[in-house]
């Protein structure tokens, strides 16, 4: 069985993975640092992490921790 993701809904799992990498890169590249997507996505991640009420999947936790680091 293959899980189907909803392409219209943001995913904390993949967003924290991508934003965490982008934030590390932003230390070196102004174009990344100043991109409006980074600010919006960082806000989404922080809000979503703050709203977590129960433990999620371990892989999601891995990317959340990397993002917060």
Protein backbone atom coordinates (compact mmCIF):
# COMPACT_ATOMS: atom_id res chain seq x y z
CA UNK A 1 0.00 0.00 0.00
CA UNK A 2 1.29 3.45 -0.90
CA UNK A 3 0.38 6.47 1.23
CA UNK A 4 -1.06 9.41 -0.64
CA UNK A 5 0.02 12.87 0.46
CA UNK A 6 -2.28 15.85 0.01
CA UNK A 7 -0.40 18.26 -2.30
CA UNK A 8 -2.47 21.21 -1.03
CA UNK A 9 -1.41 20.79 2.61
CA UNK A 10 1.97 21.73 4.03
CA UNK A 11 3.99 18.99 5.70
CA UNK A 12 6.05 19.75 8.79
CA UNK A 13 8.30 16.79 7.96
CA UNK A 14 9.55 17.99 4.56
CA UNK A 15 9.27 21.70 5.33
CA UNK A 16 11.55 21.48 8.37
CA UNK A 17 14.02 19.40 6.34
CA UNK A 18 14.20 21.96 3.54
CA UNK A 19 14.04 25.08 5.73
CA UNK A 20 16.70 23.72 8.09
CA UNK A 21 19.08 23.29 5.16
CA UNK A 22 18.13 26.69 3.74
CA UNK A 23 18.80 28.41 7.07
CA UNK A 24 22.29 26.88 7.21
CA UNK A 25 22.93 28.03 3.64
CA UNK A 26 21.54 31.50 4.42
CA UNK A 27 24.55 32.16 6.64
CA UNK A 28 26.63 32.21 3.46
CA UNK A 29 24.31 33.43 0.70
CA UNK A 30 22.37 36.69 0.88
CA UNK A 31 19.99 35.55 -1.86
CA UNK A 32 18.82 32.69 0.32
CA UNK A 33 18.84 34.78 3.51
CA UNK A 34 16.68 37.51 1.91
CA UNK A 35 14.25 35.26 0.04
CA UNK A 36 10.64 35.82 1.20
CA UNK A 37 9.92 32.08 1.11
CA UNK A 38 12.46 31.48 3.87
CA UNK A 39 10.75 33.90 6.25
CA UNK A 40 7.27 32.46 5.56
CA UNK A 41 8.45 28.88 5.80
CA UNK A 42 10.39 29.48 9.00
CA UNK A 43 7.28 31.04 10.53
CA UNK A 44 5.19 28.04 9.41
CA UNK A 45 7.67 25.62 10.99
CA UNK A 46 7.82 27.48 14.30
CA UNK A 47 4.02 27.79 14.49
CA UNK A 48 3.52 24.13 13.61
CA UNK A 49 6.11 22.96 16.12
CA UNK A 50 4.45 25.10 18.80
CA UNK A 51 1.09 23.46 18.04
CA UNK A 52 2.31 19.87 18.38
CA UNK A 53 0.21 18.09 21.00
CA UNK A 54 1.44 14.51 20.69
CA UNK A 55 4.47 12.62 19.48
CA UNK A 56 4.69 12.25 15.72
CA UNK A 57 6.80 9.99 13.56
CA UNK A 58 10.47 9.65 14.51
CA UNK A 59 11.65 10.86 11.10
CA UNK A 60 9.59 14.04 11.46
CA UNK A 61 11.16 14.55 14.89
CA UNK A 62 14.62 14.20 13.34
CA UNK A 63 13.96 17.05 10.91
CA UNK A 64 12.26 19.20 13.53
CA UNK A 65 15.32 18.86 15.78
CA UNK A 66 17.67 19.67 12.90
CA UNK A 67 15.57 22.72 12.07
CA UNK A 68 15.64 23.92 15.69
CA UNK A 69 19.38 23.35 15.93
